[in-house]
Amino acid sequence: MADDRSLNRAVAQIERARADKCLRPSIAGFFDEATNTVSYVVHDPKTDEAAIIDSVLDFEAASGRTSNGSADRIIEYVTSNNLKVIWLIETHAHADHISAAPYLQERLGGKLAIGRDIIRVQEVFGKLFNAGTDFERDGSQFDKLFDDGETFKVGELEGIALHVPGHTPADMAFIIGDAAFVGDTIFMPDFGTARADFPGGDAHQLYRSIRRLLSLPDETRLFLCHDYKAPGRDEYAWETTVKQQREENVHVKDGVSEEDFVEMRTSRDKTLAMPNLIMPSVQVNIRGGRLPDPEDNGVSYIKIPVNAV
């Protein structure tokens, strides 16, 4: 990893934040039990500028109805703390929940951002859903496409984006101060790691991405996008550290080889059902969280490809 300049910049940033408490963010997590998703509001205590990461739009699959309870909890927190939203960040195009970013953006402002490789995901799923020529496959539904190693600010806090593909081609980890928001790359140590069998997923890449993240300083706080309560654990949890993951992760702790990981991940993925909301979620999330355009009757429709996956 000595020649990984993006990682080296991230390490330096975390070390600065560990040395100076003023460079560490304030973080609030919002757990959505229906999708086992954690959304975050990350803000600079000095300037009150904030980023919202991986928001959730409530969706009832049986009726096709959306609601905003999860997002409204975030709005209440932001407004009650007088925060100014600068970023609405997606770690990837989620397959298990619909993003509430457009709803939040309309009410709170901020730029909608994701990793640049969303373009690859749009190309694959644009074909699957036969989205037609009107669906742009260039990431233009987002305000900002982050490249690996690109830096950004949340108030006076330093941020850096790291490309961590494997779960999907577009997965990013976003490091703000001393905290890393790692999306679906890794879960709590007792639960393991994300699947790698979605289109464009790759278990080899996932292993390398995780080892890249676990090359960050031991004390780095890792904030996860999901928790499913491993057997024997009573409470949901979504914060861990690099050190804890390296010592305890049941899939990828220190000493697990890439070959062993890939064999485990491949075998395990074959036993997993598709997420309940994968069809609506991906279809909407590749559009930046916006529903497909209404048809001539004023209704928006979600397509379900039959016998195609």
Protein backbone atom coordinates (compact mmCIF):
# COMPACT_ATOMS: atom_id res chain seq x y z
CA MET A 1 0.00 0.00 0.00
CA ALA A 2 3.06 2.27 0.07
CA ASP A 3 2.27 3.65 -3.40
CA ASP A 4 -1.44 4.22 -2.67
CA ARG A 5 -1.41 8.00 -2.60
CA SER A 6 -5.14 8.33 -1.90
CA LEU A 7 -4.87 6.01 1.08
CA ASN A 8 -1.78 7.82 2.34
CA ARG A 9 -3.67 11.14 2.20
CA ALA A 10 -6.53 9.54 4.13
CA VAL A 11 -4.14 8.24 6.78
CA ALA A 12 -2.58 11.69 7.18
CA GLN A 13 -6.03 13.28 7.49
CA ILE A 14 -7.12 10.82 10.17
CA GLU A 15 -3.91 11.33 12.12
CA ARG A 16 -4.43 15.11 12.07
CA ALA A 17 -7.98 14.67 13.32
CA ARG A 18 -6.88 12.26 16.05
CA ALA A 19 -4.38 14.87 17.24
CA ASP A 20 -6.83 17.79 17.14
CA LYS A 21 -10.38 17.30 18.44
CA CYS A 22 -11.50 20.36 16.48
CA LEU A 23 -11.00 18.35 13.29
CA ARG A 24 -13.36 15.55 14.34
CA PRO A 25 -17.01 15.51 13.23
CA SER A 26 -20.15 15.21 15.29
CA ILE A 27 -22.11 12.17 14.05
CA ALA A 28 -25.74 11.14 14.50
CA GLY A 29 -26.97 7.78 13.21
CA PHE A 30 -30.58 7.05 12.21
CA PHE A 31 -31.50 3.38 12.00
CA ASP A 32 -34.30 2.23 9.69
CA GLU A 33 -35.31 -1.21 10.94
CA ALA A 34 -37.46 -1.99 7.90
CA THR A 35 -34.34 -2.03 5.69
CA ASN A 36 -31.66 -2.45 8.40
CA THR A 37 -30.07 0.73 7.06
CA VAL A 38 -28.20 3.41 8.99
CA SER A 39 -28.25 6.99 7.70
CA TYR A 40 -25.91 9.60 9.12
CA VAL A 41 -25.82 13.31 9.71
CA VAL A 42 -22.18 14.36 9.97
CA HIS A 43 -21.42 17.94 10.92
CA ASP A 44 -18.64 20.31 11.83
CA PRO A 45 -19.35 21.57 15.38
CA LYS A 46 -17.48 24.79 14.62
CA THR A 47 -19.42 25.88 11.51
CA ASP A 48 -22.58 23.69 11.75
CA GLU A 49 -22.15 22.65 8.13
CA ALA A 50 -23.31 19.08 7.56
CA ALA A 51 -23.42 16.08 5.23
CA ILE A 52 -26.22 13.53 5.11
CA ILE A 53 -25.06 10.04 4.14
CA ASP A 54 -27.24 7.19 2.78
CA SER A 55 -30.74 8.47 3.50
CA VAL A 56 -33.85 6.26 3.27
CA LEU A 57 -37.20 6.86 1.58
CA ASP A 58 -39.87 4.62 3.11
CA PHE A 59 -41.42 2.32 0.48
CA GLU A 60 -44.17 -0.24 0.88
CA ALA A 61 -43.68 -2.78 -1.89
CA ALA A 62 -47.15 -4.31 -1.68
CA SER A 63 -48.94 -1.02 -2.30
CA GLY A 64 -46.22 0.87 -4.14
CA ARG A 65 -46.60 3.78 -1.72
CA THR A 66 -43.78 5.99 -0.49
CA SER A 67 -43.62 7.97 2.73
CA ASN A 68 -41.08 10.17 4.46
CA GLY A 69 -40.95 9.12 8.10
CA SER A 70 -37.27 8.15 8.05
CA ALA A 71 -36.24 11.28 6.16
CA ASP A 72 -38.37 13.53 8.36
CA ARG A 73 -36.46 12.33 11.43
CA ILE A 74 -33.31 13.61 9.75
CA ILE A 75 -34.95 16.91 8.85
CA GLU A 76 -36.06 17.37 12.45
CA TYR A 77 -32.52 16.74 13.69
CA VAL A 78 -30.96 19.10 11.15
CA THR A 79 -33.41 21.93 11.79
CA SER A 80 -33.42 21.58 15.59
CA ASN A 81 -29.63 21.81 15.61
CA ASN A 82 -29.55 24.69 13.11
CA LEU A 83 -27.33 22.76 10.71
CA LYS A 84 -26.64 23.77 7.11
CA VAL A 85 -26.59 20.80 4.75
CA ILE A 86 -23.75 21.01 2.22
CA TRP A 87 -23.67 17.42 0.94
CA LEU A 88 -26.14 14.59 0.35
CA ILE A 89 -23.83 11.62 -0.14
CA GLU A 90 -24.58 8.12 -1.39
CA THR A 91 -21.93 5.47 -0.78
CA HIS A 92 -23.33 3.51 -3.77
CA ALA A 93 -26.57 2.77 -5.65
CA HIS A 94 -28.30 0.78 -2.93
CA ALA A 95 -30.20 -2.41 -3.72
CA ASP A 96 -32.11 -2.63 -0.44
CA HIS A 97 -33.66 0.81 0.02
CA ILE A 98 -34.62 3.87 -1.97
CA SER A 99 -32.69 7.06 -1.35
CA ALA A 100 -34.53 10.05 0.09
CA ALA A 101 -31.90 12.47 -1.21
CA PRO A 102 -34.20 14.43 -3.59
CA TYR A 103 -36.78 14.93 -0.83
CA LEU A 104 -34.07 16.08 1.58
CA GLN A 105 -32.41 18.28 -1.03
CA GLU A 106 -35.68 20.07 -1.74
CA ARG A 107 -36.11 20.90 1.94
CA LEU A 108 -32.55 21.28 3.19
CA GLY A 109 -30.38 22.02 0.15
CA GLY A 110 -26.95 20.51 -0.46
CA LYS A 111 -25.23 18.85 -3.40
CA LEU A 112 -26.10 15.23 -4.25
CA ALA A 113 -22.90 13.18 -4.63
CA ILE A 114 -21.83 9.62 -5.46
CA GLY A 115 -18.78 7.86 -6.89
CA ARG A 116 -17.99 8.32 -10.57
CA ASP A 117 -18.44 4.65 -11.37
CA ILE A 118 -22.19 5.09 -10.95
CA ILE A 119 -21.96 5.47 -14.73
CA ARG A 120 -21.07 1.77 -15.02
CA VAL A 121 -24.01 0.83 -12.81
CA GLN A 122 -26.36 3.01 -14.85
CA GLU A 123 -25.24 1.30 -18.05
CA VAL A 124 -25.86 -2.21 -16.68
CA PHE A 125 -29.21 -1.51 -15.07
CA GLY A 126 -30.35 0.88 -17.76
CA LYS A 127 -30.26 -2.11 -20.11
CA LEU A 128 -31.92 -4.44 -17.59
CA PHE A 129 -34.83 -2.07 -17.09
CA ASN A 130 -34.94 -1.07 -20.77
CA ALA A 131 -34.80 2.54 -19.64
CA GLY A 132 -34.55 3.89 -23.19
CA THR A 133 -32.60 6.75 -24.66
CA ASP A 134 -34.20 9.33 -22.38
CA PHE A 135 -32.33 7.86 -19.41
CA GLU A 136 -28.92 9.50 -19.30
CA ARG A 137 -26.11 7.11 -18.42
CA ASP A 138 -23.54 9.78 -17.58
CA GLY A 139 -24.16 10.42 -13.88
CA SER A 140 -25.86 13.73 -14.66
CA GLN A 141 -28.63 12.94 -12.16
CA PHE A 142 -26.08 13.78 -9.47
CA ASP A 143 -24.48 17.13 -8.70
CA LYS A 144 -21.05 15.67 -8.01
CA LEU A 145 -19.25 12.47 -9.04
CA PHE A 146 -16.30 11.73 -6.76
CA ASP A 147 -13.06 10.20 -8.01
CA ASP A 148 -10.78 8.08 -5.86
CA GLY A 149 -8.70 10.31 -3.62
CA GLU A 150 -10.73 13.44 -4.28
CA THR A 151 -11.00 15.78 -1.30
CA PHE A 152 -13.93 17.85 -0.08
CA LYS A 153 -14.97 19.92 2.92
CA VAL A 154 -17.74 19.80 5.49
CA GLY A 155 -17.29 23.19 7.07
CA GLU A 156 -13.66 23.21 8.17
CA LEU A 157 -13.48 19.41 8.36
CA GLU A 158 -11.41 17.59 5.77
CA GLY A 159 -12.98 14.82 3.72
CA ILE A 160 -11.62 12.34 1.21
CA ALA A 161 -13.35 9.82 -1.05
CA LEU A 162 -11.91 6.32 -1.50
CA HIS A 163 -13.09 3.95 -4.24
CA VAL A 164 -13.84 0.55 -2.66
CA PRO A 165 -15.46 -1.60 -5.37
CA GLY A 166 -16.47 -5.23 -4.99
CA HIS A 167 -19.99 -5.12 -3.60
CA THR A 168 -20.80 -2.98 -6.63
CA PRO A 169 -18.43 -1.23 -9.07
CA ALA A 170 -19.34 2.18 -7.69
CA ASP A 171 -18.89 1.73 -3.93
CA MET A 172 -17.10 4.57 -2.17
CA ALA A 173 -15.98 5.14 1.39
CA PHE A 174 -16.10 8.72 2.60
CA ILE A 175 -13.67 9.75 5.32
CA ILE A 176 -14.53 12.91 7.24
CA GLY A 177 -12.07 13.87 9.94
CA ASP A 178 -11.24 10.65 11.80
CA ALA A 179 -14.44 8.82 10.76
CA ALA A 180 -14.90 6.57 7.73
CA PHE A 181 -18.36 5.89 6.28
CA VAL A 182 -17.79 2.60 4.50
CA GLY A 183 -21.17 1.79 2.96
CA ASP A 184 -21.74 -1.91 2.33
CA THR A 185 -18.13 -3.07 2.13
CA ILE A 186 -18.06 -4.43 5.66
CA PHE A 187 -20.45 -5.07 8.54
CA MET A 188 -19.97 -5.46 12.28
CA PRO A 189 -17.17 -7.92 13.08
CA ASP A 190 -19.59 -10.62 14.21
CA PHE A 191 -21.55 -10.44 10.93
CA GLY A 192 -18.75 -10.16 8.38
CA THR A 193 -18.85 -8.60 4.94
CA ALA A 194 -21.15 -7.63 2.08
CA ARG A 195 -22.17 -9.89 -0.76
CA ALA A 196 -20.38 -9.60 -4.10
CA ASP A 197 -22.76 -11.29 -6.53
CA PHE A 198 -24.69 -8.30 -7.86
CA PRO A 199 -24.00 -7.29 -11.49
CA GLY A 200 -20.49 -5.85 -11.56
CA GLY A 201 -19.67 -7.23 -8.12
CA ASP A 202 -16.40 -9.07 -7.57
CA ALA A 203 -15.25 -10.91 -4.44
CA HIS A 204 -11.57 -10.39 -5.28
CA GLN A 205 -12.13 -6.65 -5.55
CA LEU A 206 -14.15 -6.64 -2.34
CA TYR A 207 -11.33 -8.32 -0.42
CA ARG A 208 -8.80 -5.80 -1.72
CA SER A 209 -11.10 -2.88 -0.96
CA ILE A 210 -11.62 -4.09 2.60
CA ARG A 211 -7.90 -4.60 3.15
CA ARG A 212 -7.40 -1.07 1.82
CA LEU A 213 -9.81 0.28 4.41
CA LEU A 214 -8.20 -1.82 7.12
CA SER A 215 -4.87 -0.17 6.30
CA LEU A 216 -6.21 3.02 7.90
CA PRO A 217 -5.02 3.77 11.45
CA ASP A 218 -6.27 1.33 14.09
CA GLU A 219 -8.27 4.02 15.90
CA THR A 220 -10.22 5.06 12.79
CA ARG A 221 -13.93 5.01 13.52
CA LEU A 222 -15.86 2.97 10.95
CA PHE A 223 -19.55 3.73 10.44
CA LEU A 224 -21.52 1.03 8.65
CA CYS A 225 -24.52 1.29 6.35
CA HIS A 226 -26.32 -1.78 7.70
CA ASP A 227 -26.66 -4.05 10.69
CA TYR A 228 -28.57 -7.32 10.91
CA LYS A 229 -27.80 -8.38 14.51
CA ALA A 230 -25.60 -11.43 14.31
CA PRO A 231 -26.90 -14.49 16.21
CA GLY A 232 -26.40 -14.03 19.93
CA ARG A 233 -26.34 -10.21 19.81
CA ASP A 234 -29.39 -8.43 21.24
CA GLU A 235 -28.82 -4.87 20.06
CA TYR A 236 -28.25 -3.28 16.69
CA ALA A 237 -24.81 -1.70 16.24
CA TRP A 238 -23.13 0.24 13.46
CA GLU A 239 -19.91 1.74 14.78
CA THR A 240 -16.62 -0.13 15.04
CA THR A 241 -12.90 0.52 14.49
CA VAL A 242 -10.22 -0.64 12.11
CA LYS A 243 -8.49 -2.43 14.97
CA GLN A 244 -11.63 -4.31 15.97
CA GLN A 245 -12.29 -5.37 12.37
CA ARG A 246 -8.72 -6.56 11.85
CA GLU A 247 -8.83 -8.63 15.02
CA GLU A 248 -12.39 -9.96 15.01
CA ASN A 249 -14.19 -9.81 11.65
CA VAL A 250 -15.49 -13.33 11.03
CA HIS A 251 -14.90 -13.10 7.27
CA VAL A 252 -11.84 -10.96 6.76
CA LYS A 253 -9.79 -10.51 9.93
CA ASP A 254 -6.00 -10.50 9.72
CA GLY A 255 -4.70 -13.84 8.49
CA VAL A 256 -7.57 -14.57 6.08
CA SER A 257 -6.15 -14.89 2.57
CA GLU A 258 -7.77 -13.50 -0.55
CA GLU A 259 -8.32 -17.03 -1.87
CA ASP A 260 -10.04 -18.17 1.32
CA PHE A 261 -12.19 -15.06 1.40
CA VAL A 262 -13.28 -15.44 -2.23
CA GLU A 263 -14.15 -19.10 -1.69
CA MET A 264 -16.21 -18.24 1.41
CA ARG A 265 -17.89 -15.23 -0.20
CA THR A 266 -18.75 -17.06 -3.41
CA SER A 267 -20.22 -20.05 -1.58
CA ARG A 268 -22.16 -17.88 0.84
CA ASP A 269 -23.55 -15.61 -1.87
CA LYS A 270 -25.08 -18.60 -3.65
CA THR A 271 -27.30 -19.17 -0.62
CA LEU A 272 -28.58 -15.58 -0.36
CA ALA A 273 -31.94 -14.45 -1.70
CA MET A 274 -32.15 -11.16 -3.57
CA PRO A 275 -33.03 -8.15 -1.37
CA ASN A 276 -36.77 -7.60 -1.15
CA LEU A 277 -36.56 -4.10 -2.61
CA ILE A 278 -33.83 -4.60 -5.21
CA MET A 279 -36.02 -3.85 -8.25
CA PRO A 280 -37.52 -0.57 -7.05
CA SER A 281 -34.36 0.47 -5.21
CA VAL A 282 -31.84 0.13 -8.02
CA GLN A 283 -34.26 1.47 -10.60
CA VAL A 284 -34.78 4.64 -8.58
CA ASN A 285 -31.30 5.04 -7.10
CA ILE A 286 -29.53 5.06 -10.47
CA ARG A 287 -31.70 8.13 -11.10
CA GLY A 288 -30.34 9.85 -8.00
CA GLY A 289 -33.35 8.77 -5.93
CA ARG A 290 -35.91 10.15 -8.37
CA LEU A 291 -38.87 8.03 -9.44
CA PRO A 292 -39.22 7.25 -13.16
CA ASP A 293 -41.02 10.01 -15.06
CA PRO A 294 -44.81 9.81 -14.80
CA GLU A 295 -46.59 8.33 -17.78
CA ASP A 296 -49.48 10.02 -19.61
CA ASN A 297 -51.86 9.25 -16.75
CA GLY A 298 -49.65 11.08 -14.27
CA VAL A 299 -48.51 7.91 -12.49
CA SER A 300 -44.88 6.77 -12.10
CA TYR A 301 -44.25 3.05 -12.62
CA ILE A 302 -41.56 0.68 -11.37
CA LYS A 303 -40.65 -2.04 -13.86
CA ILE A 304 -40.12 -5.64 -12.82
CA PRO A 305 -38.12 -7.59 -15.44
CA VAL A 306 -39.49 -11.12 -15.65
CA ASN A 307 -37.06 -14.07 -15.86
CA ALA A 308 -34.21 -11.67 -16.59
CA VAL A 309 -32.11 -11.89 -13.41
